[in-house]
N, C-alpha and C. Protein backbone atom coordinates (compact mmCIF):
# COMPACT_ATOMS: atom_id res chain seq x y z
N UNK A 1 193.22 13.70 242.53
CA UNK A 1 193.68 13.36 241.26
C UNK A 1 193.41 14.31 240.11
N UNK A 2 194.36 14.52 239.30
CA UNK A 2 194.55 15.58 238.32
C UNK A 2 194.26 14.90 236.97
N UNK A 3 193.49 15.25 236.11
CA UNK A 3 193.24 14.36 234.68
C UNK A 3 194.10 15.07 233.98
N UNK A 4 194.88 14.45 233.15
CA UNK A 4 195.70 14.84 231.99
C UNK A 4 194.76 15.27 230.83
N UNK A 5 195.45 16.18 229.80
CA UNK A 5 194.70 16.68 228.96
C UNK A 5 194.00 15.41 228.23
N UNK A 6 193.01 15.50 227.87
CA UNK A 6 192.27 14.60 227.12
C UNK A 6 192.62 14.33 225.74
N UNK A 7 193.66 15.06 225.16
CA UNK A 7 194.13 14.97 223.65
C UNK A 7 194.86 13.62 223.79
N UNK A 8 195.84 13.44 224.92
CA UNK A 8 196.42 12.13 225.06
C UNK A 8 195.35 10.98 224.92
N UNK A 9 194.28 10.97 225.82
CA UNK A 9 193.30 9.86 225.45
C UNK A 9 192.72 9.45 224.07
N UNK A 10 192.64 10.98 223.39
CA UNK A 10 192.00 10.99 222.06
C UNK A 10 192.90 10.24 221.25
N UNK A 11 194.46 10.49 221.50
CA UNK A 11 195.21 10.21 220.53
C UNK A 11 195.54 8.51 220.74
N UNK A 12 195.40 7.92 221.90
CA UNK A 12 195.76 6.53 222.00
C UNK A 12 194.41 5.87 221.57
N UNK A 13 193.12 6.54 221.73
CA UNK A 13 192.12 5.56 221.48
C UNK A 13 191.70 5.97 220.01
N UNK A 14 192.20 6.84 219.07
CA UNK A 14 192.47 6.80 217.76
C UNK A 14 193.74 5.81 217.30
N UNK A 15 194.30 5.70 217.93
CA UNK A 15 195.48 4.53 217.44
C UNK A 15 194.91 3.27 217.67
N UNK A 16 194.04 3.11 218.63
CA UNK A 16 193.31 1.66 219.10
C UNK A 16 192.49 1.45 218.02
N UNK A 17 191.55 2.56 217.39
CA UNK A 17 190.39 2.48 216.51
C UNK A 17 191.07 2.00 215.38
N UNK A 18 192.26 2.63 214.95
CA UNK A 18 192.87 2.33 213.59
C UNK A 18 193.30 0.87 213.62
N UNK A 19 193.98 0.33 214.59
CA UNK A 19 194.61 -0.89 214.88
C UNK A 19 193.15 -1.94 214.66
N UNK A 20 192.14 -1.56 215.51
CA UNK A 20 190.91 -2.51 215.62
C UNK A 20 190.18 -2.53 214.37
N UNK A 21 190.29 -1.41 213.44
CA UNK A 21 189.73 -1.55 212.24
C UNK A 21 190.53 -2.55 211.16
N UNK A 22 191.79 -2.24 211.30
CA UNK A 22 192.74 -2.99 210.29
C UNK A 22 192.48 -4.62 210.76
N UNK A 23 192.90 -5.01 212.02
CA UNK A 23 192.74 -6.35 212.50
C UNK A 23 191.48 -7.01 212.24
N UNK A 24 190.51 -6.64 212.51
CA UNK A 24 189.14 -7.05 212.51
C UNK A 24 188.86 -7.54 210.98
N UNK A 25 188.96 -6.12 210.47
CA UNK A 25 188.88 -6.26 209.06
C UNK A 25 189.65 -7.44 208.00
N UNK A 26 190.63 -7.30 208.40
CA UNK A 26 191.80 -8.52 207.82
C UNK A 26 191.18 -9.81 208.20
N UNK A 27 190.75 -9.95 209.76
CA UNK A 27 190.28 -11.43 209.99
C UNK A 27 189.14 -11.80 209.22
N UNK A 28 188.09 -10.90 209.06
CA UNK A 28 187.02 -11.11 208.32
C UNK A 28 187.22 -11.47 207.00
N UNK A 29 188.11 -10.49 206.28
CA UNK A 29 188.34 -10.75 204.87
C UNK A 29 189.41 -11.58 204.33
N UNK A 30 190.10 -12.16 205.42
CA UNK A 30 191.13 -13.43 204.94
C UNK A 30 190.17 -14.56 205.20
N UNK A 31 189.09 -14.81 205.67
CA UNK A 31 188.30 -16.22 205.90
C UNK A 31 187.68 -16.39 204.60
N UNK A 32 187.56 -15.54 203.85
CA UNK A 32 186.72 -15.95 202.53
C UNK A 32 187.75 -16.15 201.51
N UNK A 33 187.67 -16.86 200.53
CA UNK A 33 188.53 -17.03 199.37
C UNK A 33 188.27 -16.13 198.25
N UNK A 34 186.94 -15.61 198.34
CA UNK A 34 186.78 -14.75 197.08
C UNK A 34 187.45 -13.26 197.53
N UNK A 35 187.77 -12.82 198.71
CA UNK A 35 188.22 -11.53 199.03
C UNK A 35 189.78 -11.66 198.68
N UNK A 36 190.28 -13.08 198.71
CA UNK A 36 191.61 -13.06 198.57
C UNK A 36 192.09 -13.25 197.05
N UNK A 37 191.34 -13.10 196.05
CA UNK A 37 191.52 -13.32 194.61
C UNK A 37 192.67 -12.28 194.33
N UNK A 38 192.81 -10.95 194.59
CA UNK A 38 193.42 -10.29 194.01
C UNK A 38 195.15 -10.52 194.54
N UNK A 39 195.30 -11.35 195.69
CA UNK A 39 196.50 -11.51 196.14
C UNK A 39 197.20 -12.64 195.36
N UNK A 40 198.50 -12.55 195.14
CA UNK A 40 199.48 -13.75 194.41
C UNK A 40 198.98 -14.91 195.00
N UNK A 41 199.20 -15.90 194.23
CA UNK A 41 199.11 -17.25 194.60
C UNK A 41 199.73 -17.77 196.08
N UNK A 42 201.16 -17.46 196.07
CA UNK A 42 201.85 -17.80 197.06
C UNK A 42 201.32 -17.30 198.42
N UNK A 43 200.93 -15.96 198.39
CA UNK A 43 200.42 -15.51 199.71
C UNK A 43 198.79 -15.96 200.17
N UNK A 44 198.23 -16.36 198.93
CA UNK A 44 196.99 -16.73 199.09
C UNK A 44 196.56 -18.16 199.73
N UNK A 45 197.92 -18.98 199.54
CA UNK A 45 197.46 -20.22 199.99
C UNK A 45 197.87 -20.13 201.54
N UNK A 46 198.45 -19.34 202.04
CA UNK A 46 199.02 -19.32 203.41
C UNK A 46 197.80 -18.22 204.19
N UNK A 47 197.17 -18.63 205.01
CA UNK A 47 196.09 -17.96 205.93
C UNK A 47 196.85 -16.64 206.59
N UNK A 48 198.04 -17.18 207.19
CA UNK A 48 198.63 -16.08 207.74
C UNK A 48 198.93 -14.76 207.13
N UNK A 49 199.66 -15.39 205.68
CA UNK A 49 200.17 -14.30 205.09
C UNK A 49 198.96 -13.40 204.10
N UNK A 50 197.93 -13.93 204.22
CA UNK A 50 196.73 -13.53 203.44
C UNK A 50 196.28 -12.49 204.64
N UNK A 51 196.03 -12.85 206.03
CA UNK A 51 195.61 -12.14 207.00
C UNK A 51 196.60 -11.01 206.78
N UNK A 52 197.87 -11.02 207.05
CA UNK A 52 198.94 -9.63 206.97
C UNK A 52 198.58 -8.98 206.00
N UNK A 53 198.56 -9.43 204.78
CA UNK A 53 198.30 -8.74 203.29
C UNK A 53 196.89 -7.75 203.50
N UNK A 54 195.98 -8.56 203.89
CA UNK A 54 194.68 -7.91 203.98
C UNK A 54 194.44 -6.69 204.86
N UNK A 55 195.38 -6.82 206.14
CA UNK A 55 195.70 -6.00 207.21
C UNK A 55 196.42 -4.49 206.69
N UNK A 56 197.55 -4.88 205.84
CA UNK A 56 198.54 -3.95 205.45
C UNK A 56 197.48 -3.14 204.26
N UNK A 57 196.72 -3.79 203.52
CA UNK A 57 196.03 -3.14 202.29
C UNK A 57 194.87 -2.35 203.27
N UNK A 58 194.20 -2.64 204.49
CA UNK A 58 193.08 -1.73 205.04
C UNK A 58 194.18 -0.86 205.73
N UNK A 59 195.15 -0.85 206.08
CA UNK A 59 195.89 -0.09 206.85
C UNK A 59 196.09 1.36 205.96
N UNK A 60 196.72 1.03 204.72
CA UNK A 60 196.81 1.87 203.72
C UNK A 60 195.86 2.56 203.36
N UNK A 61 194.65 1.88 203.07
CA UNK A 61 193.66 2.62 202.88
C UNK A 61 192.79 3.53 203.78
N UNK A 62 193.04 3.18 205.15
CA UNK A 62 192.58 4.18 206.12
C UNK A 62 193.36 5.18 206.26
N UNK A 63 194.85 4.97 206.02
CA UNK A 63 195.74 6.19 206.12
C UNK A 63 195.35 7.22 204.90
N UNK A 64 194.95 6.47 203.74
CA UNK A 64 194.67 7.42 202.71
C UNK A 64 193.31 8.51 203.14
N UNK A 65 192.47 7.60 203.84
CA UNK A 65 191.26 8.20 204.01
C UNK A 65 191.32 9.28 205.01
N UNK A 66 192.20 8.96 206.01
CA UNK A 66 192.42 10.25 206.65
C UNK A 66 193.30 11.34 206.31
N UNK A 67 194.24 11.17 205.25
CA UNK A 67 194.82 12.36 204.72
C UNK A 67 193.80 12.93 204.01
N UNK A 68 192.75 12.12 203.10
CA UNK A 68 192.04 12.95 202.18
C UNK A 68 190.87 13.85 203.10
N UNK A 69 190.49 13.17 204.20
CA UNK A 69 189.70 14.00 204.99
C UNK A 69 190.41 15.34 205.64
N UNK A 70 191.36 15.08 205.97
CA UNK A 70 192.18 16.29 206.72
C UNK A 70 192.64 17.39 205.59
N UNK A 71 193.08 16.80 204.49
CA UNK A 71 193.73 17.89 203.52
C UNK A 71 194.58 18.85 204.12
N UNK A 72 195.59 18.31 204.67
CA UNK A 72 196.93 19.38 205.30
C UNK A 72 196.24 20.08 206.42
N UNK A 73 195.15 19.90 207.18
CA UNK A 73 194.36 20.65 208.32
C UNK A 73 195.08 19.83 209.38
N UNK A 74 194.92 20.31 210.64
CA UNK A 74 195.28 19.81 211.82
C UNK A 74 194.44 18.03 211.86
N UNK A 75 195.21 17.16 212.87
CA UNK A 75 194.66 15.90 212.98
C UNK A 75 193.56 15.90 214.06
N UNK A 76 193.03 17.07 214.32
CA UNK A 76 191.84 17.17 215.22
C UNK A 76 190.81 17.18 214.27
N UNK A 77 190.99 17.55 213.09
CA UNK A 77 189.83 17.30 212.37
C UNK A 77 189.42 15.91 211.94
N UNK A 78 190.26 15.07 212.25
CA UNK A 78 190.29 13.93 211.43
C UNK A 78 189.44 13.09 212.74
N UNK A 79 188.98 13.32 213.78
CA UNK A 79 188.66 12.76 214.88
C UNK A 79 187.47 11.97 214.53
N UNK A 80 186.37 12.55 213.74
CA UNK A 80 185.30 11.88 213.31
C UNK A 80 185.59 10.79 212.50
N UNK A 81 186.41 10.49 211.47
CA UNK A 81 186.99 9.35 210.90
C UNK A 81 187.31 8.25 211.85
N UNK A 82 188.22 8.67 212.80
CA UNK A 82 188.71 7.80 213.82
C UNK A 82 187.43 7.03 214.43
N UNK A 83 186.25 7.71 214.82
CA UNK A 83 185.02 7.42 215.37
C UNK A 83 184.30 6.12 214.25
N UNK A 84 184.39 6.54 213.12
CA UNK A 84 184.03 5.75 212.17
C UNK A 84 184.75 4.26 212.18
N UNK A 85 186.00 4.50 212.03
CA UNK A 85 187.12 3.47 212.11
C UNK A 85 186.54 2.72 213.46
N UNK A 86 186.42 2.95 214.74
CA UNK A 86 185.91 2.42 215.99
C UNK A 86 184.77 1.61 215.58
N UNK A 87 183.68 2.43 215.11
CA UNK A 87 182.39 1.78 214.79
C UNK A 87 182.49 0.38 213.99
N UNK A 88 182.91 0.86 212.84
CA UNK A 88 183.28 -0.31 211.82
C UNK A 88 184.20 -1.46 212.57
N UNK A 89 185.16 -1.21 213.45
CA UNK A 89 185.67 -2.01 213.97
C UNK A 89 184.91 -2.96 214.93
N UNK A 90 184.23 -2.23 216.04
CA UNK A 90 183.39 -2.76 216.72
C UNK A 90 182.30 -3.68 216.20
N UNK A 91 181.94 -3.20 215.07
CA UNK A 91 180.77 -3.92 214.35
C UNK A 91 181.42 -5.34 213.85
N UNK A 92 182.82 -5.26 213.39
CA UNK A 92 183.50 -6.53 212.96
C UNK A 92 183.76 -7.41 214.16
N UNK A 93 184.00 -6.68 215.36
CA UNK A 93 184.33 -7.79 216.59
C UNK A 93 183.18 -8.46 216.83
N UNK A 94 181.88 -7.89 216.63
CA UNK A 94 180.77 -8.36 216.99
C UNK A 94 180.50 -9.63 216.02
N UNK A 95 180.67 -9.26 214.63
CA UNK A 95 180.58 -10.37 213.93
C UNK A 95 181.57 -11.71 214.10
N UNK A 96 182.51 -11.41 214.35
CA UNK A 96 183.34 -12.17 214.72
C UNK A 96 183.37 -13.09 215.87
N UNK A 97 182.51 -12.43 217.15
CA UNK A 97 182.40 -13.10 218.31
C UNK A 97 181.33 -13.67 218.04
N UNK A 98 180.07 -13.10 217.23
CA UNK A 98 179.10 -14.40 216.99
C UNK A 98 179.37 -15.56 216.42
N UNK A 99 180.55 -15.28 215.43
CA UNK A 99 180.93 -16.57 214.41
C UNK A 99 181.47 -17.46 215.45
N UNK A 100 182.29 -16.97 216.36
CA UNK A 100 182.91 -17.78 217.45
C UNK A 100 182.17 -18.51 218.18
N UNK A 101 181.05 -17.87 218.51
CA UNK A 101 180.07 -18.58 219.58
C UNK A 101 179.08 -19.43 218.62
N UNK A 102 178.72 -19.11 217.65
CA UNK A 102 177.95 -20.24 217.02
C UNK A 102 178.59 -21.12 216.47
N UNK A 103 179.89 -21.44 216.48
CA UNK A 103 180.54 -22.82 216.13
C UNK A 103 180.44 -23.66 217.27
N UNK A 104 180.41 -22.73 218.75
CA UNK A 104 180.89 -23.71 219.66
C UNK A 104 179.78 -23.94 220.60
N UNK A 105 178.81 -23.07 221.12
CA UNK A 105 177.94 -23.31 221.84
C UNK A 105 176.27 -23.52 221.45
N UNK A 106 175.74 -23.77 222.57
CA UNK A 106 174.09 -23.93 222.40
C UNK A 106 173.88 -24.76 221.09
N UNK A 107 174.36 -25.86 220.77
CA UNK A 107 174.04 -26.54 219.69
C UNK A 107 172.72 -27.38 219.61
N UNK A 108 172.26 -27.76 220.74
CA UNK A 108 171.22 -28.58 220.75
C UNK A 108 169.94 -27.56 221.04
N UNK A 109 169.97 -26.44 220.95
CA UNK A 109 168.77 -25.33 221.34
C UNK A 109 168.19 -24.96 220.06
N UNK A 110 166.93 -24.76 219.82
CA UNK A 110 166.41 -24.39 218.63
C UNK A 110 167.05 -23.14 217.76
N UNK A 111 167.12 -23.37 216.60
CA UNK A 111 167.63 -22.42 215.63
C UNK A 111 167.55 -20.71 216.04
N UNK A 112 166.42 -20.38 216.04
CA UNK A 112 165.94 -18.74 216.48
C UNK A 112 166.59 -18.57 217.83
N UNK A 113 166.09 -19.40 218.72
CA UNK A 113 166.57 -18.95 220.10
C UNK A 113 167.99 -18.92 220.35
N UNK A 114 168.69 -20.20 219.63
CA UNK A 114 170.35 -19.93 219.88
C UNK A 114 170.92 -18.62 219.10
N UNK A 115 170.39 -18.32 217.93
CA UNK A 115 171.06 -16.98 217.14
C UNK A 115 170.59 -15.93 218.12
N UNK A 116 169.44 -15.64 218.60
CA UNK A 116 169.12 -14.67 219.60
C UNK A 116 170.00 -14.72 220.58
N UNK A 117 170.25 -15.49 221.41
CA UNK A 117 171.01 -15.73 222.46
C UNK A 117 172.59 -15.34 222.29
N UNK A 118 173.10 -15.88 221.07
CA UNK A 118 174.37 -15.62 220.85
C UNK A 118 174.39 -14.17 220.29
N UNK A 119 173.76 -13.65 219.67
CA UNK A 119 173.88 -12.18 218.99
C UNK A 119 173.79 -11.36 220.25
N UNK A 120 172.76 -11.60 221.17
CA UNK A 120 172.93 -10.67 222.55
C UNK A 120 174.33 -10.75 223.24
N UNK A 121 174.83 -11.97 223.43
CA UNK A 121 175.87 -12.49 223.82
C UNK A 121 176.95 -11.96 223.26
N UNK A 122 177.06 -11.89 222.21
CA UNK A 122 178.14 -11.25 221.32
C UNK A 122 178.07 -9.82 221.39
N UNK A 123 177.06 -9.25 221.41
CA UNK A 123 176.99 -7.71 221.73
C UNK A 123 177.46 -7.34 223.09
N UNK A 124 176.81 -7.72 224.06
CA UNK A 124 177.24 -7.69 225.31
C UNK A 124 178.88 -7.85 225.90
N UNK A 125 179.46 -9.04 225.32
CA UNK A 125 180.85 -9.01 225.36
C UNK A 125 181.59 -8.18 224.69
N UNK A 126 181.41 -7.79 223.57
CA UNK A 126 182.16 -6.65 222.83
C UNK A 126 182.03 -5.35 223.45
N UNK A 127 180.74 -5.06 223.98
CA UNK A 127 180.58 -3.67 224.62
C UNK A 127 181.38 -3.75 225.88
N UNK A 128 181.39 -4.69 226.82
CA UNK A 128 182.07 -4.69 227.91
C UNK A 128 183.53 -4.59 227.69
N UNK A 129 184.08 -5.38 226.74
CA UNK A 129 185.60 -5.34 226.24
C UNK A 129 185.70 -3.72 225.68
N UNK A 130 184.88 -3.32 225.08
CA UNK A 130 185.15 -1.82 224.51
C UNK A 130 184.95 -0.79 226.03
N UNK A 131 184.22 -0.95 226.76
CA UNK A 131 184.21 -0.07 227.65
C UNK A 131 185.29 -0.38 228.63
N UNK A 132 185.93 -1.46 228.68
CA UNK A 132 187.12 -1.79 229.53
C UNK A 132 188.32 -0.95 229.08
N UNK A 133 188.54 -1.10 227.45
CA UNK A 133 189.56 -0.31 226.92
C UNK A 133 189.42 1.06 227.19
N UNK A 134 188.24 1.82 227.07
CA UNK A 134 188.05 3.34 227.18
C UNK A 134 188.50 3.57 228.69
N UNK A 135 187.95 2.87 229.64
CA UNK A 135 188.33 2.85 231.12
C UNK A 135 189.79 2.86 231.23
N UNK A 136 190.58 2.00 230.67
CA UNK A 136 191.93 1.85 230.83
C UNK A 136 192.75 3.09 230.10
N UNK A 137 192.16 3.54 228.88
CA UNK A 137 193.01 4.68 228.25
C UNK A 137 192.66 6.00 229.17
N UNK A 138 191.76 5.99 229.80
CA UNK A 138 191.32 7.15 230.49
C UNK A 138 191.95 7.17 231.80
N UNK A 139 192.22 5.99 232.39
CA UNK A 139 192.99 5.47 233.80
C UNK A 139 194.54 5.67 233.49
N UNK A 140 194.82 5.46 232.49
CA UNK A 140 196.19 5.66 231.98
C UNK A 140 196.91 6.89 232.05
N UNK A 141 196.00 8.18 232.02
CA UNK A 141 196.45 9.46 232.20
C UNK A 141 196.25 10.18 232.96
N UNK A 142 195.62 9.43 234.29
CA UNK A 142 195.27 10.24 235.51
C UNK A 142 196.26 10.44 236.36
N UNK A 143 196.81 11.37 236.91
CA UNK A 143 197.77 11.59 237.89
C UNK A 143 197.49 11.69 239.20
N UNK A 144 198.06 10.62 239.93
CA UNK A 144 197.43 10.46 241.54
C UNK A 144 198.65 11.23 242.38
């Protein structure tokens, strides 16, 4: 097996981290009515349109952030920015997973134990998914 240049893996993971940040951030922001106040009323009424609008706003802000950091240099300089995007998106996924599990599982257990178990479960589930994505991105560019 010959490994392809890891620049391709970095490009795929940068795109993934950007999409992860935008979708998870939009999912968290569109849940709360206070964050939708700046949206026009017809968009604010529909959750899907609010989600799409929040995602678009986050995408524009993140592209502007990458442009500001690079300032005309190569995009290899922007790799730390995409790492920050990934970590923020990862934290958002942990929060979303925690909220999902908290509403559905372990309802009859004591509150502190339930929160601890759900928090650990959310972190483990999200970490396993992230490791799977990394393995798939690296495995995609291996020549056999």
